[in-house]
C-alpha atoms as a PDB file:
ATOM      1  CA  MET A   1      93.454 129.408  -7.198  1.00  0.00           C
ATOM      2  CA  LYS A   2      92.899 127.644 -10.523  1.00  0.00           C
ATOM      3  CA  ASN A   3      90.010 128.708 -12.705  1.00  0.00           C
ATOM      4  CA  THR A   4      89.167 125.163 -13.796  1.00  0.00           C
ATOM      5  CA  PHE A   5      86.562 123.119 -11.927  1.00  0.00           C
ATOM      6  CA  PHE A   6      86.161 119.369 -12.176  1.00  0.00           C
ATOM      7  CA  LEU A   7      83.262 116.933 -12.428  1.00  0.00           C
ATOM      8  CA  LEU A   8      84.256 113.817 -10.495  1.00  0.00           C
ATOM      9  CA  ILE A   9      82.966 110.260 -10.124  1.00  0.00           C
ATOM     10  CA  THR A  10      83.388 108.346  -6.894  1.00  0.00           C
ATOM     11  CA  LEU A  11      84.951 104.954  -7.589  1.00  0.00           C
ATOM     12  CA  CYS A  12      85.110 103.708  -4.031  1.00  0.00           C
ATOM     13  CA  LEU A  13      82.465 104.737  -1.511  1.00  0.00           C
ATOM     14  CA  PHE A  14      83.271 105.234   2.136  1.00  0.00           C
ATOM     15  CA  SER A  15      82.351 103.013   5.048  1.00  0.00           C
ATOM     16  CA  HIS A  16      82.360 104.808   8.421  1.00  0.00           C
ATOM     17  CA  GLN A  17      84.536 107.748   7.466  1.00  0.00           C
ATOM     18  CA  ALA A  18      84.369 108.736   3.817  1.00  0.00           C
ATOM     19  CA  GLN A  19      87.385 107.601   1.853  1.00  0.00           C
ATOM     20  CA  ALA A  20      87.197 107.714  -1.923  1.00  0.00           C
ATOM     21  CA  GLN A  21      89.199 107.736  -5.121  1.00  0.00           C
ATOM     22  CA  TYR A  22      88.313 110.024  -8.005  1.00  0.00           C
ATOM     23  CA  ASP A  23      88.669 110.248 -11.769  1.00  0.00           C
ATOM     24  CA  SER A  24      88.266 113.501 -13.669  1.00  0.00           C
ATOM     25  CA  ILE A  25      85.594 113.329 -16.385  1.00  0.00           C
ATOM     26  CA  THR A  26      85.856 116.787 -17.856  1.00  0.00           C
ATOM     27  CA  THR A  27      86.744 120.419 -17.176  1.00  0.00           C
ATOM     28  CA  PHE A  28      85.057 123.783 -17.707  1.00  0.00           C
ATOM     29  CA  ASN A  29      86.564 127.260 -17.859  1.00  0.00           C
ATOM     30  CA  GLY A  30      84.304 128.602 -15.108  1.00  0.00           C
ATOM     31  CA  PRO A  31      82.460 127.489 -11.985  1.00  0.00           C
ATOM     32  CA  ILE A  32      79.711 124.876 -11.912  1.00  0.00           C
ATOM     33  CA  HIS A  33      76.921 126.120  -9.655  1.00  0.00           C
ATOM     34  CA  ASP A  34      74.390 123.271  -9.666  1.00  0.00           C
ATOM     35  CA  PHE A  35      73.524 119.714 -10.741  1.00  0.00           C
ATOM     36  CA  GLN A  36      70.047 118.325 -11.438  1.00  0.00           C
ATOM     37  CA  THR A  37      68.913 114.946 -12.747  1.00  0.00           C
ATOM     38  CA  PHE A  38      66.289 115.265 -15.485  1.00  0.00           C
ATOM     39  CA  ASP A  39      65.138 112.992 -18.328  1.00  0.00           C
ATOM     40  CA  ASN A  40      67.608 110.292 -17.182  1.00  0.00           C
ATOM     41  CA  LYS A  41      70.481 112.727 -17.596  1.00  0.00           C
ATOM     42  CA  LEU A  42      72.665 114.666 -15.182  1.00  0.00           C
ATOM     43  CA  PHE A  43      72.476 118.377 -16.021  1.00  0.00           C
ATOM     44  CA  MET A  44      75.138 120.798 -14.815  1.00  0.00           C
ATOM     45  CA  ALA A  45      74.917 124.567 -14.943  1.00  0.00           C
ATOM     46  CA  GLY A  46      77.184 127.481 -14.164  1.00  0.00           C
ATOM     47  CA  ASP A  47      79.135 130.455 -15.452  1.00  0.00           C
ATOM     48  CA  PHE A  48      81.239 128.705 -18.088  1.00  0.00           C
ATOM     49  CA  ILE A  49      81.441 129.095 -21.873  1.00  0.00           C
ATOM     50  CA  LYS A  50      84.010 126.408 -22.684  1.00  0.00           C
ATOM     51  CA  ASN A  51      84.278 122.684 -22.047  1.00  0.00           C
ATOM     52  CA  GLY A  52      87.853 121.806 -22.878  1.00  0.00           C
ATOM     53  CA  ASN A  53      88.403 123.689 -26.133  1.00  0.00           C
ATOM     54  CA  GLN A  54      84.755 123.422 -27.265  1.00  0.00           C
ATOM     55  CA  ASN A  55      82.024 126.034 -26.898  1.00  0.00           C
ATOM     56  CA  CYS A  56      79.679 125.203 -24.039  1.00  0.00           C
ATOM     57  CA  TYR A  57      77.336 127.983 -22.964  1.00  0.00           C
ATOM     58  CA  TRP A  58      76.135 127.803 -19.362  1.00  0.00           C
ATOM     59  CA  SER A  59      75.118 124.101 -19.256  1.00  0.00           C
ATOM     60  CA  ALA A  60      75.831 120.535 -20.314  1.00  0.00           C
ATOM     61  CA  TYR A  61      74.407 117.112 -19.535  1.00  0.00           C
ATOM     62  CA  TYR A  62      75.839 113.656 -18.966  1.00  0.00           C
ATOM     63  CA  ASP A  63      73.956 110.451 -19.844  1.00  0.00           C
ATOM     64  CA  GLY A  64      76.267 108.092 -17.976  1.00  0.00           C
ATOM     65  CA  THR A  65      78.542 107.649 -20.975  1.00  0.00           C
ATOM     66  CA  ARG A  66      78.819 110.873 -22.934  1.00  0.00           C
ATOM     67  CA  LEU A  67      78.817 114.591 -22.129  1.00  0.00           C
ATOM     68  CA  THR A  68      76.615 116.753 -24.378  1.00  0.00           C
ATOM     69  CA  ARG A  69      77.450 120.452 -24.499  1.00  0.00           C
ATOM     70  CA  HIS A  70      74.951 123.264 -24.850  1.00  0.00           C
ATOM     71  CA  SER A  71      76.547 124.987 -27.846  1.00  0.00           C
ATOM     72  CA  THR A  72      73.828 127.542 -28.658  1.00  0.00           C
ATOM     73  CA  MET A  73      75.053 131.029 -27.796  1.00  0.00           C
ATOM     74  CA  ILE A  74      72.729 132.791 -25.332  1.00  0.00           C
ATOM     75  CA  GLY A  75      73.442 136.191 -23.824  1.00  0.00           C
ATOM     76  CA  GLY A  76      73.968 136.848 -20.149  1.00  0.00           C
ATOM     77  CA  THR A  77      76.400 135.444 -17.608  1.00  0.00           C
ATOM     78  CA  GLY A  78      75.113 131.965 -16.856  1.00  0.00           C
ATOM     79  CA  LEU A  79      72.902 129.829 -14.640  1.00  0.00           C
ATOM     80  CA  SER A  80      72.885 129.770 -10.827  1.00  0.00           C
ATOM     81  CA  ALA A  81      70.476 126.942  -9.937  1.00  0.00           C
ATOM     82  CA  LEU A  82      68.295 124.219 -11.468  1.00  0.00           C
ATOM     83  CA  ALA A  83      65.041 122.523 -10.459  1.00  0.00           C
ATOM     84  CA  GLU A  84      62.737 119.915 -11.982  1.00  0.00           C
ATOM     85  CA  PHE A  85      59.043 120.695 -11.709  1.00  0.00           C
ATOM     86  CA  ASP A  86      55.926 119.239 -13.330  1.00  0.00           C
ATOM     87  CA  GLY A  87      57.995 117.245 -15.838  1.00  0.00           C
ATOM     88  CA  GLU A  88      60.083 120.238 -16.929  1.00  0.00           C
ATOM     89  CA  LEU A  89      63.558 121.551 -16.119  1.00  0.00           C
ATOM     90  CA  PHE A  90      63.882 125.174 -14.985  1.00  0.00           C
ATOM     91  CA  GLY A  91      67.007 127.229 -14.436  1.00  0.00           C
ATOM     92  CA  VAL A  92      67.591 130.617 -12.861  1.00  0.00           C
ATOM     93  CA  GLY A  93      70.469 133.020 -13.316  1.00  0.00           C
ATOM     94  CA  SER A  94      71.198 135.799 -15.747  1.00  0.00           C
ATOM     95  CA  ILE A  95      70.544 134.230 -19.149  1.00  0.00           C
ATOM     96  CA  GLN A  96      68.939 136.806 -21.422  1.00  0.00           C
ATOM     97  CA  HIS A  97      65.803 136.196 -23.464  1.00  0.00           C
ATOM     98  CA  TRP A  98      65.375 139.255 -25.666  1.00  0.00           C
ATOM     99  CA  GLN A  99      64.612 142.078 -23.223  1.00  0.00           C
ATOM    100  CA  SER A 100      64.079 139.879 -20.146  1.00  0.00           C
ATOM    101  CA  ILE A 101      66.366 137.897 -17.862  1.00  0.00           C
ATOM    102  CA  GLY A 102      66.370 135.473 -14.969  1.00  0.00           C
ATOM    103  CA  VAL A 103      64.197 132.360 -15.493  1.00  0.00           C
ATOM    104  CA  SER A 104      64.782 129.793 -18.233  1.00  0.00           C
ATOM    105  CA  LYS A 105      63.213 126.481 -19.253  1.00  0.00           C
ATOM    106  CA  TRP A 106      64.823 123.591 -21.123  1.00  0.00           C
ATOM    107  CA  ASP A 107      62.978 122.734 -24.362  1.00  0.00           C
ATOM    108  CA  GLY A 108      64.975 119.575 -25.118  1.00  0.00           C
ATOM    109  CA  SER A 109      67.820 121.260 -26.958  1.00  0.00           C
ATOM    110  CA  THR A 110      68.258 124.776 -25.598  1.00  0.00           C
ATOM    111  CA  TRP A 111      67.117 127.244 -22.921  1.00  0.00           C
ATOM    112  CA  VAL A 112      64.020 129.322 -23.631  1.00  0.00           C
ATOM    113  CA  ASN A 113      62.172 131.970 -21.650  1.00  0.00           C
ATOM    114  CA  GLY A 114      60.644 130.325 -18.586  1.00  0.00           C
ATOM    115  CA  GLY A 115      59.096 133.446 -17.096  1.00  0.00           C
ATOM    116  CA  SER A 116      61.947 135.927 -17.014  1.00  0.00           C
ATOM    117  CA  THR A 117      61.648 139.466 -15.639  1.00  0.00           C
ATOM    118  CA  ASN A 118      63.886 142.526 -15.610  1.00  0.00           C
ATOM    119  CA  TYR A 119      66.148 141.111 -12.897  1.00  0.00           C
ATOM    120  CA  SER A 120      68.568 138.229 -12.537  1.00  0.00           C
ATOM    121  CA  HIS A 121      67.557 135.374 -10.225  1.00  0.00           C
ATOM    122  CA  SER A 122      69.560 133.085  -7.958  1.00  0.00           C
ATOM    123  CA  VAL A 123      67.034 130.940  -6.032  1.00  0.00           C
ATOM    124  CA  ILE A 124      64.625 128.258  -7.268  1.00  0.00           C
ATOM    125  CA  TYR A 125      62.920 125.549  -5.202  1.00  0.00           C
ATOM    126  CA  ALA A 126      60.496 122.799  -6.238  1.00  0.00           C
ATOM    127  CA  ASP A 127      58.110 121.969  -3.417  1.00  0.00           C
ATOM    128  CA  GLY A 128      55.581 119.291  -4.319  1.00  0.00           C
ATOM    129  CA  ASP A 129      52.814 120.994  -6.266  1.00  0.00           C
ATOM    130  CA  HIS A 130      54.532 124.388  -6.344  1.00  0.00           C
ATOM    131  CA  LEU A 131      57.709 125.927  -7.741  1.00  0.00           C
ATOM    132  CA  TYR A 132      59.196 129.007  -6.053  1.00  0.00           C
ATOM    133  CA  GLU A 133      61.793 131.400  -7.426  1.00  0.00           C
ATOM    134  CA  ALA A 134      63.353 134.580  -6.077  1.00  0.00           C
ATOM    135  CA  SER A 135      64.828 137.456  -8.035  1.00  0.00           C
ATOM    136  CA  ASP A 136      67.881 139.352  -6.895  1.00  0.00           C
ATOM    137  CA  ASN A 137      65.741 142.398  -6.058  1.00  0.00           C
ATOM    138  CA  GLY A 138      63.754 140.509  -3.413  1.00  0.00           C
ATOM    139  CA  ILE A 139      60.647 139.426  -5.319  1.00  0.00           C
ATOM    140  CA  ILE A 140      59.395 135.850  -4.792  1.00  0.00           C
ATOM    141  CA  ARG A 141      57.015 134.204  -7.254  1.00  0.00           C
ATOM    142  CA  VAL A 142      55.227 130.848  -7.188  1.00  0.00           C
ATOM    143  CA  MET A 143      53.904 128.545  -9.895  1.00  0.00           C
ATOM    144  CA  ALA A 144      51.371 125.761  -9.331  1.00  0.00           C
ATOM    145  CA  LYS A 145      51.316 122.664 -11.513  1.00  0.00           C
ATOM    146  CA  GLY A 146      49.656 123.496 -14.785  1.00  0.00           C
ATOM    147  CA  GLY A 147      49.715 127.203 -13.917  1.00  0.00           C
ATOM    148  CA  SER A 148      51.838 130.288 -14.500  1.00  0.00           C
ATOM    149  CA  TRP A 149      54.031 132.455 -12.309  1.00  0.00           C
ATOM    150  CA  GLN A 150      52.133 134.402  -9.636  1.00  0.00           C
ATOM    151  CA  PRO A 151      53.326 136.931  -7.005  1.00  0.00           C
ATOM    152  CA  PHE A 152      54.154 135.399  -3.617  1.00  0.00           C
ATOM    153  CA  TYR A 153      56.075 138.073  -1.702  1.00  0.00           C
ATOM    154  CA  ASP A 154      57.849 141.347  -2.481  1.00  0.00           C
ATOM    155  CA  PHE A 155      60.411 142.822  -0.094  1.00  0.00           C
ATOM    156  CA  GLN A 156      60.101 146.097  -2.027  1.00  0.00           C
ATOM    157  CA  GLY A 157      63.839 146.643  -1.958  1.00  0.00           C
ATOM    158  CA  ASP A 158      64.158 146.034   1.788  1.00  0.00           C
ATOM    159  CA  GLY A 159      65.487 142.483   1.740  1.00  0.00           C
ATOM    160  CA  ASP A 160      66.573 139.589  -0.447  1.00  0.00           C
ATOM    161  CA  ILE A 161      66.500 135.778  -0.460  1.00  0.00           C
ATOM    162  CA  SER A 162      69.387 133.305  -0.472  1.00  0.00           C
ATOM    163  CA  CYS A 163      67.558 129.978  -0.031  1.00  0.00           C
ATOM    164  CA  ILE A 164      64.157 128.296   0.356  1.00  0.00           C
ATOM    165  CA  ILE A 165      63.266 124.888   1.819  1.00  0.00           C
ATOM    166  CA  ARG A 166      60.301 123.104   3.428  1.00  0.00           C
ATOM    167  CA  TYR A 167      60.487 121.991   7.050  1.00  0.00           C
ATOM    168  CA  ASN A 168      57.704 120.710   9.348  1.00  0.00           C
ATOM    169  CA  ASN A 169      55.076 121.583   6.721  1.00  0.00           C
ATOM    170  CA  HIS A 170      56.249 125.198   6.707  1.00  0.00           C
ATOM    171  CA  LEU A 171      57.986 127.003   3.866  1.00  0.00           C
ATOM    172  CA  ILE A 172      61.291 128.389   5.190  1.00  0.00           C
ATOM    173  CA  ILE A 173      62.664 131.584   3.644  1.00  0.00           C
ATOM    174  CA  ALA A 174      66.216 132.726   4.471  1.00  0.00           C
ATOM    175  CA  GLY A 175      68.269 135.669   3.321  1.00  0.00           C
ATOM    176  CA  ARG A 176      68.825 139.246   4.417  1.00  0.00           C
ATOM    177  CA  PHE A 177      65.836 140.945   6.054  1.00  0.00           C
ATOM    178  CA  ASP A 178      64.499 142.259   9.360  1.00  0.00           C
ATOM    179  CA  MET A 179      60.774 142.174   8.572  1.00  0.00           C
ATOM    180  CA  ILE A 180      58.518 139.990   6.468  1.00  0.00           C
ATOM    181  CA  GLY A 181      54.777 140.432   6.102  1.00  0.00           C
ATOM    182  CA  GLY A 182      54.800 142.995   8.907  1.00  0.00           C
ATOM    183  CA  VAL A 183      56.396 140.468  11.280  1.00  0.00           C
ATOM    184  CA  SER A 184      59.824 140.983  12.840  1.00  0.00           C
ATOM    185  CA  ALA A 185      62.083 138.135  11.704  1.00  0.00           C
ATOM    186  CA  LYS A 186      65.871 138.264  11.556  1.00  0.00           C
ATOM    187  CA  ASN A 187      67.059 136.767   8.257  1.00  0.00           C
ATOM    188  CA  ILE A 188      64.900 133.630   8.455  1.00  0.00           C
ATOM    189  CA  ALA A 189      61.126 133.049   8.657  1.00  0.00           C
ATOM    190  CA  GLN A 190      58.458 130.416   8.060  1.00  0.00           C
ATOM    191  CA  TRP A 191      55.182 130.552   6.148  1.00  0.00           C
ATOM    192  CA  ASP A 192      52.370 128.297   7.414  1.00  0.00           C
ATOM    193  CA  GLY A 193      50.116 128.967   4.444  1.00  0.00           C
ATOM    194  CA  THR A 194      48.443 131.946   6.094  1.00  0.00           C
ATOM    195  CA  ASN A 195      50.935 133.836   8.266  1.00  0.00           C
ATOM    196  CA  TRP A 196      54.636 134.584   8.513  1.00  0.00           C
ATOM    197  CA  GLN A 197      56.362 133.584  11.764  1.00  0.00           C
ATOM    198  CA  PRO A 198      59.920 134.089  13.047  1.00  0.00           C
ATOM    199  CA  LEU A 199      62.178 131.206  14.056  1.00  0.00           C
ATOM    200  CA  GLY A 200      62.980 132.367  17.570  1.00  0.00           C
ATOM    201  CA  SER A 201      65.035 135.551  17.440  1.00  0.00           C
ATOM    202  CA  GLY A 202      66.522 134.475  14.102  1.00  0.00           C
ATOM    203  CA  ILE A 203      70.045 134.402  12.700  1.00  0.00           C
ATOM    204  CA  LEU A 204      72.821 136.967  12.883  1.00  0.00           C
ATOM    205  CA  GLY A 205      75.013 136.805   9.799  1.00  0.00           C
ATOM    206  CA  SER A 206      74.824 135.724   6.167  1.00  0.00           C
ATOM    207  CA  ILE A 207      72.835 132.536   5.497  1.00  0.00           C
ATOM    208  CA  LYS A 208      74.131 130.613   2.476  1.00  0.00           C
ATOM    209  CA  THR A 209      72.412 127.241   2.682  1.00  0.00           C
ATOM    210  CA  LEU A 210      69.613 125.237   4.339  1.00  0.00           C
ATOM    211  CA  ALA A 211      69.132 121.483   4.799  1.00  0.00           C
ATOM    212  CA  VAL A 212      66.743 119.183   6.671  1.00  0.00           C
ATOM    213  CA  TYR A 213      68.525 116.321   8.410  1.00  0.00           C
ATOM    214  CA  LYS A 214      67.070 113.898  10.979  1.00  0.00           C
ATOM    215  CA  ASN A 215      63.960 116.064  11.403  1.00  0.00           C
ATOM    216  CA  GLU A 216      65.936 119.215  12.186  1.00  0.00           C
ATOM    217  CA  LEU A 217      66.560 122.326  10.090  1.00  0.00           C
ATOM    218  CA  TYR A 218      70.248 123.147   9.551  1.00  0.00           C
ATOM    219  CA  VAL A 219      71.438 126.630   8.625  1.00  0.00           C
ATOM    220  CA  GLY A 220      74.943 127.289   7.314  1.00  0.00           C
ATOM    221  CA  GLY A 221      76.900 130.304   6.114  1.00  0.00           C
ATOM    222  CA  LYS A 222      78.819 133.096   7.784  1.00  0.00           C
ATOM    223  CA  ILE A 223      76.688 133.209  10.926  1.00  0.00           C
ATOM    224  CA  SER A 224      77.637 134.090  14.497  1.00  0.00           C
ATOM    225  CA  GLU A 225      74.333 133.847  16.409  1.00  0.00           C
ATOM    226  CA  ALA A 226      71.205 131.707  16.221  1.00  0.00           C
ATOM    227  CA  GLY A 227      68.383 132.527  18.610  1.00  0.00           C
ATOM    228  CA  GLY A 228      70.806 134.644  20.636  1.00  0.00           C
ATOM    229  CA  LEU A 229      73.153 131.656  21.018  1.00  0.00           C
ATOM    230  CA  SER A 230      76.757 132.035  19.854  1.00  0.00           C
ATOM    231  CA  VAL A 231      77.438 129.630  16.954  1.00  0.00           C
ATOM    232  CA  GLU A 232      80.305 129.025  14.551  1.00  0.00           C
ATOM    233  CA  GLU A 233      78.862 129.249  11.002  1.00  0.00           C
ATOM    234  CA  ILE A 234      76.292 126.455  11.483  1.00  0.00           C
ATOM    235  CA  ALA A 235      73.217 125.960  13.695  1.00  0.00           C
ATOM    236  CA  LYS A 236      70.119 123.767  13.842  1.00  0.00           C
ATOM    237  CA  TRP A 237      66.459 124.381  14.669  1.00  0.00           C
ATOM    238  CA  ASP A 238      64.264 121.589  16.095  1.00  0.00           C
ATOM    239  CA  GLY A 239      60.987 123.447  15.645  1.00  0.00           C
ATOM    240  CA  SER A 240      61.248 125.477  18.837  1.00  0.00           C
ATOM    241  CA  THR A 241      64.919 125.906  19.831  1.00  0.00           C
ATOM    242  CA  TRP A 242      68.225 126.812  18.190  1.00  0.00           C
ATOM    243  CA  THR A 243      71.363 124.858  19.121  1.00  0.00           C
ATOM    244  CA  ALA A 244      74.995 124.754  17.991  1.00  0.00           C
ATOM    245  CA  VAL A 245      76.289 121.871  15.876  1.00  0.00           C
ATOM    246  CA  GLY A 246      79.282 120.036  17.305  1.00  0.00           C
ATOM    247  CA  GLY A 247      81.451 123.076  17.882  1.00  0.00           C
ATOM    248  CA  GLY A 248      81.062 124.411  14.344  1.00  0.00           C
ATOM    249  CA  VAL A 249      83.789 125.842  12.147  1.00  0.00           C
ATOM    250  CA  THR A 250      87.067 126.224  14.012  1.00  0.00           C
ATOM    251  CA  ASP A 251      88.536 129.119  11.978  1.00  0.00           C
ATOM    252  CA  ARG A 252      85.914 131.823  11.468  1.00  0.00           C
ATOM    253  CA  SER A 253      88.314 134.126   9.592  1.00  0.00           C
ATOM    254  CA  LEU A 254      87.647 132.254   6.329  1.00  0.00           C
ATOM    255  CA  ASN A 255      84.542 132.107   4.112  1.00  0.00           C
ATOM    256  CA  GLY A 256      82.591 129.595   6.170  1.00  0.00           C
ATOM    257  CA  ILE A 257      79.966 127.096   5.001  1.00  0.00           C
ATOM    258  CA  GLN A 258      78.628 127.467   1.479  1.00  0.00           C
ATOM    259  CA  ASP A 259      76.505 124.385   0.824  1.00  0.00           C
ATOM    260  CA  MET A 260      74.966 121.333   2.540  1.00  0.00           C
ATOM    261  CA  VAL A 261      73.309 118.183   1.240  1.00  0.00           C
ATOM    262  CA  VAL A 262      72.028 114.979   2.851  1.00  0.00           C
ATOM    263  CA  HIS A 263      73.407 111.759   1.403  1.00  0.00           C
ATOM    264  CA  ASP A 264      73.772 108.193   2.721  1.00  0.00           C
ATOM    265  CA  ASN A 265      72.487 109.225   6.167  1.00  0.00           C
ATOM    266  CA  TYR A 266      75.141 111.926   6.576  1.00  0.00           C
ATOM    267  CA  LEU A 267      74.868 115.695   6.314  1.00  0.00           C
ATOM    268  CA  TRP A 268      77.637 116.738   3.915  1.00  0.00           C
ATOM    269  CA  VAL A 269      78.948 120.264   4.495  1.00  0.00           C
ATOM    270  CA  VAL A 270      81.283 122.135   2.158  1.00  0.00           C
ATOM    271  CA  GLY A 271      82.901 125.542   2.141  1.00  0.00           C
ATOM    272  CA  ASP A 272      86.132 127.260   3.091  1.00  0.00           C
ATOM    273  CA  PHE A 273      87.250 125.842   6.443  1.00  0.00           C
ATOM    274  CA  PRO A 274      90.245 123.730   7.559  1.00  0.00           C
ATOM    275  CA  GLU A 275      88.458 122.296  10.610  1.00  0.00           C
ATOM    276  CA  VAL A 276      84.947 121.679  11.946  1.00  0.00           C
ATOM    277  CA  GLY A 277      84.479 120.699  15.578  1.00  0.00           C
ATOM    278  CA  ASN A 278      88.286 120.481  15.858  1.00  0.00           C
ATOM    279  CA  VAL A 279      88.354 117.762  13.176  1.00  0.00           C
ATOM    280  CA  ILE A 280      90.666 118.540  10.243  1.00  0.00           C
ATOM    281  CA  THR A 281      88.353 118.451   7.229  1.00  0.00           C
ATOM    282  CA  HIS A 282      89.981 120.422   4.369  1.00  0.00           C
ATOM    283  CA  ASP A 283      86.729 122.119   3.332  1.00  0.00           C
ATOM    284  CA  VAL A 284      84.470 119.028   3.182  1.00  0.00           C
ATOM    285  CA  ALA A 285      82.941 117.490   6.320  1.00  0.00           C
ATOM    286  CA  LEU A 286      80.282 114.951   7.306  1.00  0.00           C
ATOM    287  CA  TRP A 287      77.946 115.186  10.293  1.00  0.00           C
ATOM    288  CA  ASN A 288      76.095 112.115  11.605  1.00  0.00           C
ATOM    289  CA  GLY A 289      73.923 113.950  14.122  1.00  0.00           C
ATOM    290  CA  THR A 290      76.444 113.476  16.928  1.00  0.00           C
ATOM    291  CA  ARG A 291      79.965 114.084  15.633  1.00  0.00           C
ATOM    292  CA  TRP A 292      81.979 115.390  12.693  1.00  0.00           C
ATOM    293  CA  PHE A 293      84.090 113.344  10.273  1.00  0.00           C
ATOM    294  CA  ALA A 294      86.509 114.314   7.533  1.00  0.00           C
ATOM    295  CA  ALA A 295      85.367 113.308   4.048  1.00  0.00           C
ATOM    296  CA  GLY A 296      88.927 112.424   3.088  1.00  0.00           C
ATOM    297  CA  ILE A 297      88.732 114.254  -0.258  1.00  0.00           C
ATOM    298  CA  SER A 298      92.115 115.583  -1.335  1.00  0.00           C
ATOM    299  CA  HIS A 299      92.125 118.524  -3.737  1.00  0.00           C
ATOM    300  CA  ASN A 300      94.511 121.166  -4.997  1.00  0.00           C
ATOM    301  CA  ASP A 301      92.045 124.032  -5.383  1.00  0.00           C
ATOM    302  CA  TYR A 302      89.994 125.739  -2.730  1.00  0.00           C
ATOM    303  CA  PHE A 303      86.538 124.197  -2.634  1.00  0.00           C
ATOM    304  CA  VAL A 304      85.008 127.622  -2.388  1.00  0.00           C
ATOM    305  CA  ASN A 305      85.775 131.128  -3.483  1.00  0.00           C
ATOM    306  CA  VAL A 306      82.720 133.169  -2.617  1.00  0.00           C
ATOM    307  CA  SER A 307      83.561 135.785  -5.202  1.00  0.00           C
ATOM    308  CA  SER A 308      83.061 133.270  -8.002  1.00  0.00           C
ATOM    309  CA  LEU A 309      81.478 130.061  -6.741  1.00  0.00           C
ATOM    310  CA  SER A 310      78.169 129.884  -4.886  1.00  0.00           C
ATOM    311  CA  LYS A 311      77.765 126.106  -4.832  1.00  0.00           C
ATOM    312  CA  VAL A 312      80.839 123.982  -4.594  1.00  0.00           C
ATOM    313  CA  LEU A 313      79.793 120.432  -3.772  1.00  0.00           C
ATOM    314  CA  ILE A 314      76.548 118.712  -4.697  1.00  0.00           C
ATOM    315  CA  LEU A 315      75.970 114.965  -4.279  1.00  0.00           C
ATOM    316  CA  ARG A 316      73.472 113.122  -6.452  1.00  0.00           C
ATOM    317  CA  GLU A 317      72.623 109.502  -7.148  1.00  0.00           C
ATOM    318  CA  TYR A 318      72.764 109.037 -10.919  1.00  0.00           C
ATOM    319  CA  SER A 319      72.967 105.710 -12.765  1.00  0.00           C
ATOM    320  CA  GLY A 320      74.028 104.090  -9.493  1.00  0.00           C
ATOM    321  CA  ILE A 321      77.101 106.303  -9.187  1.00  0.00           C
ATOM    322  CA  LEU A 322      77.753 108.985  -6.607  1.00  0.00           C
ATOM    323  CA  LYS A 323      78.850 112.159  -8.351  1.00  0.00           C
ATOM    324  CA  GLU A 324      80.539 115.179  -6.902  1.00  0.00           C
ATOM    325  CA  LYS A 325      81.703 118.500  -8.257  1.00  0.00           C
ATOM    326  CA  ALA A 326      84.451 120.768  -7.047  1.00  0.00           C
END
């Protein structure tokens, strides 16, 4: 597998089944983990220190014409995720700020301490009037608009978080745990503002990503059961019942589903899988609520290597152009 990852622009959008042509804009010497639009720019963040032969530490942004590198050296090993909240851009990962690590904030030219702790972080989620982040030791904090970071939940070393999303006016927390707030919940739970509740009998396996599509909650990763039902790396929850999704990933010996995003009325799914629902997909698939389609994206590298790349395909509308990363 190559160590170079590409930022791509779609030149020709798909009609029924996605067919597109791509141009390479630039390359980095390490994985890109996330994109976020902010201040009319497309920010990208990851575990890279070079863009071409120029220094580029952990992030860069694109204004539709020119790529600007973050050339200020900051310690640590990069950024995992980005989120815009209350007019500011936050990033989590393992960037160091003196003796602390984990949460950074963009000041217009570089990353400064945005509420770091003694642990690296990998999850951040902007939810209306609140911003949530989770450290890699299982501590979740929340910030209200105009406020500061406050404790939200602490697994006290007996669990961790992989993703957060809002569904049906409940905050959904997924990761690796058996209990939350004294309630039995297998790897996924919902917070109604007062109490924690399980989602049926939960998920068996490793949850990597969540998405809300057509009023249902989708869960992807390396999962084998949802609510006691056998599934193939992906399942959906309608508020009361778990169901399988179109047959799921055909070959479960690989790394499974790593990311999902809703775009143009499709659920885009990416990971390490040759087929989904017996449709040959080459790692990138589209779901329309009824059936699977191949995205038709040819590539030479694997779209995911879980040892080095946590997010492998993010779609964003930016300056009227659909952008993808691989």
